[in-house]
């Protein structure tokens, strides 16, 4: 069965790393936020070490919209993994709602997963070499400022919350798959054929 996985967490929480393990385990297409952001960042000269202007974010959002629309046309058997950092602002719930609606339109279970990680570990991860392969935030001071100013959207009641500070990516992926199986099972019970 196909699923739409949504991995949400602060910068450095392991969204892409866990997403890669989940993709390898399930065959789902990984549509991480830097897949959509980086072409725009690169064209605009954003290096990942400076704040991003609102006009540049607006262009990123247009690319994300196009990716969501393309997902509507995917074969019904193809699962998808979306990743994102969502701030604690109420307007961010619209991003969750868009993915819920996309899953409903495709007739697949929506699997919300929130990745949690303590700030000292997030700060440590800012210097990891793999953060350079995409235009990711790499400055611990900017991370602290971002999280102090904007926070992280709290997990909805139906989300799986994983502390990724010591959890290996493959184990996180296995837990997500088990959680998704439970969601699919509940859906099957609620909608018997």
C-alpha atoms as a PDB file:
ATOM      1  CA  UNK A   1       0.000   0.000   0.000  1.00  0.00           C
ATOM      2  CA  UNK A   2       1.165   3.499  -0.841  1.00  0.00           C
ATOM      3  CA  UNK A   3       1.567   6.148   1.887  1.00  0.00           C
ATOM      4  CA  UNK A   4       2.310   9.847   2.115  1.00  0.00           C
ATOM      5  CA  UNK A   5       4.922  10.336   4.839  1.00  0.00           C
ATOM      6  CA  UNK A   6       5.536  13.794   6.277  1.00  0.00           C
ATOM      7  CA  UNK A   7       8.751  14.195   8.278  1.00  0.00           C
ATOM      8  CA  UNK A   8       8.834  17.455  10.233  1.00  0.00           C
ATOM      9  CA  UNK A   9      11.618  18.707  12.464  1.00  0.00           C
ATOM     10  CA  UNK A  10      14.100  21.445  13.194  1.00  0.00           C
ATOM     11  CA  UNK A  11      17.176  21.920  11.026  1.00  0.00           C
ATOM     12  CA  UNK A  12      19.589  19.123  11.916  1.00  0.00           C
ATOM     13  CA  UNK A  13      16.937  16.790  13.340  1.00  0.00           C
ATOM     14  CA  UNK A  14      17.618  14.218  10.619  1.00  0.00           C
ATOM     15  CA  UNK A  15      14.693  14.690   8.243  1.00  0.00           C
ATOM     16  CA  UNK A  16      16.673  13.906   5.094  1.00  0.00           C
ATOM     17  CA  UNK A  17      18.811  11.232   6.739  1.00  0.00           C
ATOM     18  CA  UNK A  18      15.781   9.402   8.141  1.00  0.00           C
ATOM     19  CA  UNK A  19      13.951  10.042   4.848  1.00  0.00           C
ATOM     20  CA  UNK A  20      16.752   8.339   2.907  1.00  0.00           C
ATOM     21  CA  UNK A  21      16.558   5.290   5.201  1.00  0.00           C
ATOM     22  CA  UNK A  22      12.758   5.254   4.894  1.00  0.00           C
ATOM     23  CA  UNK A  23      13.011   5.518   1.112  1.00  0.00           C
ATOM     24  CA  UNK A  24      15.489   2.624   0.984  1.00  0.00           C
ATOM     25  CA  UNK A  25      13.191   0.532   3.182  1.00  0.00           C
ATOM     26  CA  UNK A  26       9.913   1.295   1.380  1.00  0.00           C
ATOM     27  CA  UNK A  27      10.796   2.453  -2.137  1.00  0.00           C
ATOM     28  CA  UNK A  28       8.999   5.749  -1.485  1.00  0.00           C
ATOM     29  CA  UNK A  29      10.091   8.817  -3.439  1.00  0.00           C
ATOM     30  CA  UNK A  30      12.018  11.170  -1.137  1.00  0.00           C
ATOM     31  CA  UNK A  31      10.970  14.771  -1.766  1.00  0.00           C
ATOM     32  CA  UNK A  32      13.043  16.514   0.894  1.00  0.00           C
ATOM     33  CA  UNK A  33      12.708  20.243   1.365  1.00  0.00           C
ATOM     34  CA  UNK A  34      16.171  20.900  -0.081  1.00  0.00           C
ATOM     35  CA  UNK A  35      15.228  19.139  -3.292  1.00  0.00           C
ATOM     36  CA  UNK A  36      12.797  22.013  -3.842  1.00  0.00           C
ATOM     37  CA  UNK A  37      14.718  24.783  -2.053  1.00  0.00           C
ATOM     38  CA  UNK A  38      18.243  24.304  -3.369  1.00  0.00           C
ATOM     39  CA  UNK A  39      17.670  25.099  -7.068  1.00  0.00           C
ATOM     40  CA  UNK A  40      16.121  28.414  -6.007  1.00  0.00           C
ATOM     41  CA  UNK A  41      18.797  29.024  -3.352  1.00  0.00           C
ATOM     42  CA  UNK A  42      21.557  28.292  -5.872  1.00  0.00           C
ATOM     43  CA  UNK A  43      20.057  30.623  -8.486  1.00  0.00           C
ATOM     44  CA  UNK A  44      19.617  33.378  -5.864  1.00  0.00           C
ATOM     45  CA  UNK A  45      23.141  32.995  -4.486  1.00  0.00           C
ATOM     46  CA  UNK A  46      22.056  31.670  -1.072  1.00  0.00           C
ATOM     47  CA  UNK A  47      24.845  29.626   0.527  1.00  0.00           C
ATOM     48  CA  UNK A  48      23.127  28.340   3.661  1.00  0.00           C
ATOM     49  CA  UNK A  49      25.067  30.758   5.846  1.00  0.00           C
ATOM     50  CA  UNK A  50      22.891  33.839   5.545  1.00  0.00           C
ATOM     51  CA  UNK A  51      19.197  34.606   6.090  1.00  0.00           C
ATOM     52  CA  UNK A  52      16.925  33.891   3.124  1.00  0.00           C
ATOM     53  CA  UNK A  53      14.865  36.818   1.814  1.00  0.00           C
ATOM     54  CA  UNK A  54      11.072  36.510   1.649  1.00  0.00           C
ATOM     55  CA  UNK A  55      11.101  36.866  -2.153  1.00  0.00           C
ATOM     56  CA  UNK A  56      13.375  33.823  -2.427  1.00  0.00           C
ATOM     57  CA  UNK A  57      11.139  31.815  -0.053  1.00  0.00           C
ATOM     58  CA  UNK A  58       8.144  32.734  -2.226  1.00  0.00           C
ATOM     59  CA  UNK A  59       9.892  31.155  -5.210  1.00  0.00           C
ATOM     60  CA  UNK A  60      10.673  28.030  -3.148  1.00  0.00           C
ATOM     61  CA  UNK A  61       6.979  27.763  -2.284  1.00  0.00           C
ATOM     62  CA  UNK A  62       6.097  27.861  -5.996  1.00  0.00           C
ATOM     63  CA  UNK A  63       8.455  24.939  -6.638  1.00  0.00           C
ATOM     64  CA  UNK A  64       6.948  23.014  -3.687  1.00  0.00           C
ATOM     65  CA  UNK A  65       3.455  23.594  -5.076  1.00  0.00           C
ATOM     66  CA  UNK A  66       4.552  22.199  -8.431  1.00  0.00           C
ATOM     67  CA  UNK A  67       6.032  19.110  -6.735  1.00  0.00           C
ATOM     68  CA  UNK A  68       2.791  18.525  -4.802  1.00  0.00           C
ATOM     69  CA  UNK A  69       0.820  18.795  -8.039  1.00  0.00           C
ATOM     70  CA  UNK A  70       3.174  16.348  -9.769  1.00  0.00           C
ATOM     71  CA  UNK A  71       2.607  13.932  -6.880  1.00  0.00           C
ATOM     72  CA  UNK A  72      -1.110  13.897  -7.743  1.00  0.00           C
ATOM     73  CA  UNK A  73      -0.173  12.344 -11.103  1.00  0.00           C
ATOM     74  CA  UNK A  74       2.065   9.607  -9.694  1.00  0.00           C
ATOM     75  CA  UNK A  75       1.096   5.946 -10.045  1.00  0.00           C
ATOM     76  CA  UNK A  76      -1.157   4.915  -7.136  1.00  0.00           C
ATOM     77  CA  UNK A  77       1.457   2.420  -5.931  1.00  0.00           C
ATOM     78  CA  UNK A  78       4.179   5.064  -5.463  1.00  0.00           C
ATOM     79  CA  UNK A  79       4.607   6.280  -1.887  1.00  0.00           C
ATOM     80  CA  UNK A  80       6.074   9.712  -1.129  1.00  0.00           C
ATOM     81  CA  UNK A  81       8.156  11.197   1.693  1.00  0.00           C
ATOM     82  CA  UNK A  82       7.988  14.961   2.221  1.00  0.00           C
ATOM     83  CA  UNK A  83      10.310  16.680   4.697  1.00  0.00           C
ATOM     84  CA  UNK A  84      10.090  20.153   6.140  1.00  0.00           C
ATOM     85  CA  UNK A  85      10.935  22.422   9.025  1.00  0.00           C
ATOM     86  CA  UNK A  86       7.751  24.173  10.142  1.00  0.00           C
ATOM     87  CA  UNK A  87       7.879  27.111  12.530  1.00  0.00           C
ATOM     88  CA  UNK A  88       5.534  27.428  15.516  1.00  0.00           C
ATOM     89  CA  UNK A  89       3.407  29.989  13.665  1.00  0.00           C
ATOM     90  CA  UNK A  90      -0.270  29.067  13.250  1.00  0.00           C
ATOM     91  CA  UNK A  91      -0.029  29.643   9.481  1.00  0.00           C
ATOM     92  CA  UNK A  92       2.255  26.580   9.254  1.00  0.00           C
ATOM     93  CA  UNK A  93      -0.708  24.281   9.937  1.00  0.00           C
ATOM     94  CA  UNK A  94      -1.735  25.032   6.346  1.00  0.00           C
ATOM     95  CA  UNK A  95       1.361  23.100   5.180  1.00  0.00           C
ATOM     96  CA  UNK A  96       0.250  20.064   7.184  1.00  0.00           C
ATOM     97  CA  UNK A  97      -3.304  20.433   5.854  1.00  0.00           C
ATOM     98  CA  UNK A  98      -2.049  20.570   2.230  1.00  0.00           C
ATOM     99  CA  UNK A  99      -0.241  17.252   2.639  1.00  0.00           C
ATOM    100  CA  UNK A 100      -3.227  15.681   4.428  1.00  0.00           C
ATOM    101  CA  UNK A 101      -5.440  16.776   1.532  1.00  0.00           C
ATOM    102  CA  UNK A 102      -2.931  15.457  -1.003  1.00  0.00           C
ATOM    103  CA  UNK A 103      -2.931  12.062   0.732  1.00  0.00           C
ATOM    104  CA  UNK A 104      -6.736  12.046   0.801  1.00  0.00           C
ATOM    105  CA  UNK A 105      -6.894  12.993  -2.888  1.00  0.00           C
ATOM    106  CA  UNK A 106      -4.548  10.095  -3.691  1.00  0.00           C
ATOM    107  CA  UNK A 107      -6.508   7.723  -1.421  1.00  0.00           C
ATOM    108  CA  UNK A 108      -3.443   6.875   0.686  1.00  0.00           C
ATOM    109  CA  UNK A 109      -2.780   7.073   4.428  1.00  0.00           C
ATOM    110  CA  UNK A 110      -1.153  10.261   5.705  1.00  0.00           C
ATOM    111  CA  UNK A 111       1.720   9.448   8.068  1.00  0.00           C
ATOM    112  CA  UNK A 112       2.785  12.477  10.160  1.00  0.00           C
ATOM    113  CA  UNK A 113       6.161  12.054  11.865  1.00  0.00           C
ATOM    114  CA  UNK A 114       7.785  14.709  14.047  1.00  0.00           C
ATOM    115  CA  UNK A 115      11.530  14.393  14.617  1.00  0.00           C
ATOM    116  CA  UNK A 116      12.665  15.822  17.925  1.00  0.00           C
ATOM    117  CA  UNK A 117      16.259  16.456  18.951  1.00  0.00           C
ATOM    118  CA  UNK A 118      17.732  18.498  21.852  1.00  0.00           C
ATOM    119  CA  UNK A 119      19.345  21.823  20.946  1.00  0.00           C
ATOM    120  CA  UNK A 120      22.921  20.848  21.913  1.00  0.00           C
ATOM    121  CA  UNK A 121      22.771  17.892  19.504  1.00  0.00           C
ATOM    122  CA  UNK A 122      21.216  20.065  16.756  1.00  0.00           C
ATOM    123  CA  UNK A 123      24.051  22.571  17.238  1.00  0.00           C
ATOM    124  CA  UNK A 124      26.652  19.777  17.018  1.00  0.00           C
ATOM    125  CA  UNK A 125      25.126  18.526  13.777  1.00  0.00           C
ATOM    126  CA  UNK A 126      25.414  21.959  12.115  1.00  0.00           C
ATOM    127  CA  UNK A 127      29.097  21.212  11.463  1.00  0.00           C
ATOM    128  CA  UNK A 128      28.642  17.760   9.937  1.00  0.00           C
ATOM    129  CA  UNK A 129      30.061  17.431   6.402  1.00  0.00           C
ATOM    130  CA  UNK A 130      26.808  16.004   4.978  1.00  0.00           C
ATOM    131  CA  UNK A 131      25.127  19.363   5.632  1.00  0.00           C
ATOM    132  CA  UNK A 132      27.322  20.784   2.837  1.00  0.00           C
ATOM    133  CA  UNK A 133      25.914  18.441   0.178  1.00  0.00           C
ATOM    134  CA  UNK A 134      22.775  20.542   0.194  1.00  0.00           C
ATOM    135  CA  UNK A 135      22.482  24.268   0.949  1.00  0.00           C
ATOM    136  CA  UNK A 136      21.569  23.621   4.585  1.00  0.00           C
ATOM    137  CA  UNK A 137      21.840  25.869   7.616  1.00  0.00           C
ATOM    138  CA  UNK A 138      25.287  25.290   9.146  1.00  0.00           C
ATOM    139  CA  UNK A 139      25.743  28.044  11.726  1.00  0.00           C
ATOM    140  CA  UNK A 140      24.823  27.046  15.324  1.00  0.00           C
ATOM    141  CA  UNK A 141      24.227  30.701  16.252  1.00  0.00           C
ATOM    142  CA  UNK A 142      21.763  31.129  13.361  1.00  0.00           C
ATOM    143  CA  UNK A 143      20.063  27.890  14.390  1.00  0.00           C
ATOM    144  CA  UNK A 144      19.626  29.122  17.984  1.00  0.00           C
ATOM    145  CA  UNK A 145      18.310  32.459  16.722  1.00  0.00           C
ATOM    146  CA  UNK A 146      15.865  30.732  14.349  1.00  0.00           C
ATOM    147  CA  UNK A 147      14.531  28.373  17.009  1.00  0.00           C
ATOM    148  CA  UNK A 148      14.318  31.158  19.632  1.00  0.00           C
ATOM    149  CA  UNK A 149      12.508  33.453  17.203  1.00  0.00           C
ATOM    150  CA  UNK A 150      10.307  30.997  15.285  1.00  0.00           C
ATOM    151  CA  UNK A 151      10.227  27.742  17.275  1.00  0.00           C
ATOM    152  CA  UNK A 152       8.999  24.467  15.821  1.00  0.00           C
ATOM    153  CA  UNK A 153       5.394  23.537  15.113  1.00  0.00           C
ATOM    154  CA  UNK A 154       4.158  21.138  17.803  1.00  0.00           C
ATOM    155  CA  UNK A 155       3.252  17.641  16.722  1.00  0.00           C
ATOM    156  CA  UNK A 156      -0.435  17.025  15.996  1.00  0.00           C
ATOM    157  CA  UNK A 157      -2.144  14.383  18.154  1.00  0.00           C
ATOM    158  CA  UNK A 158      -1.983  11.739  15.413  1.00  0.00           C
ATOM    159  CA  UNK A 159       1.770  12.088  14.788  1.00  0.00           C
ATOM    160  CA  UNK A 160       4.567   9.705  15.656  1.00  0.00           C
ATOM    161  CA  UNK A 161       7.217  11.619  17.621  1.00  0.00           C
ATOM    162  CA  UNK A 162      10.771  10.289  17.477  1.00  0.00           C
ATOM    163  CA  UNK A 163      13.770  11.587  19.426  1.00  0.00           C
ATOM    164  CA  UNK A 164      16.540  11.345  16.845  1.00  0.00           C
ATOM    165  CA  UNK A 165      19.384  12.353  19.163  1.00  0.00           C
ATOM    166  CA  UNK A 166      20.511   8.721  19.580  1.00  0.00           C
ATOM    167  CA  UNK A 167      18.200   6.845  17.215  1.00  0.00           C
ATOM    168  CA  UNK A 168      19.882   5.327  14.164  1.00  0.00           C
ATOM    169  CA  UNK A 169      18.207   6.346  10.872  1.00  0.00           C
ATOM    170  CA  UNK A 170      17.339   2.758   9.904  1.00  0.00           C
ATOM    171  CA  UNK A 171      15.706   2.131  13.290  1.00  0.00           C
ATOM    172  CA  UNK A 172      13.756   5.381  12.932  1.00  0.00           C
ATOM    173  CA  UNK A 173      12.627   4.230   9.471  1.00  0.00           C
ATOM    174  CA  UNK A 174      11.511   0.876  10.859  1.00  0.00           C
ATOM    175  CA  UNK A 175       9.475   2.601  13.562  1.00  0.00           C
ATOM    176  CA  UNK A 176       7.847   4.823  10.952  1.00  0.00           C
ATOM    177  CA  UNK A 177       6.944   1.792   8.812  1.00  0.00           C
ATOM    178  CA  UNK A 178       5.403   0.048  11.858  1.00  0.00           C
ATOM    179  CA  UNK A 179       3.468   3.219  12.714  1.00  0.00           C
ATOM    180  CA  UNK A 180       2.256   3.529   9.105  1.00  0.00           C
ATOM    181  CA  UNK A 181       1.090  -0.088   9.129  1.00  0.00           C
ATOM    182  CA  UNK A 182      -1.058   0.739  12.150  1.00  0.00           C
ATOM    183  CA  UNK A 183      -2.561   3.758  10.385  1.00  0.00           C
ATOM    184  CA  UNK A 184      -3.311   1.671   7.281  1.00  0.00           C
ATOM    185  CA  UNK A 185      -4.844  -1.047   9.470  1.00  0.00           C
ATOM    186  CA  UNK A 186      -7.125   1.435  11.221  1.00  0.00           C
ATOM    187  CA  UNK A 187      -8.178   2.827   7.835  1.00  0.00           C
ATOM    188  CA  UNK A 188      -8.983  -0.655   6.581  1.00  0.00           C
ATOM    189  CA  UNK A 189     -11.089  -1.341   9.675  1.00  0.00           C
ATOM    190  CA  UNK A 190     -12.927   1.961   9.311  1.00  0.00           C
ATOM    191  CA  UNK A 191     -13.561   1.386   5.591  1.00  0.00           C
ATOM    192  CA  UNK A 192     -14.087  -2.355   5.062  1.00  0.00           C
ATOM    193  CA  UNK A 193     -14.302  -3.391   1.425  1.00  0.00           C
END
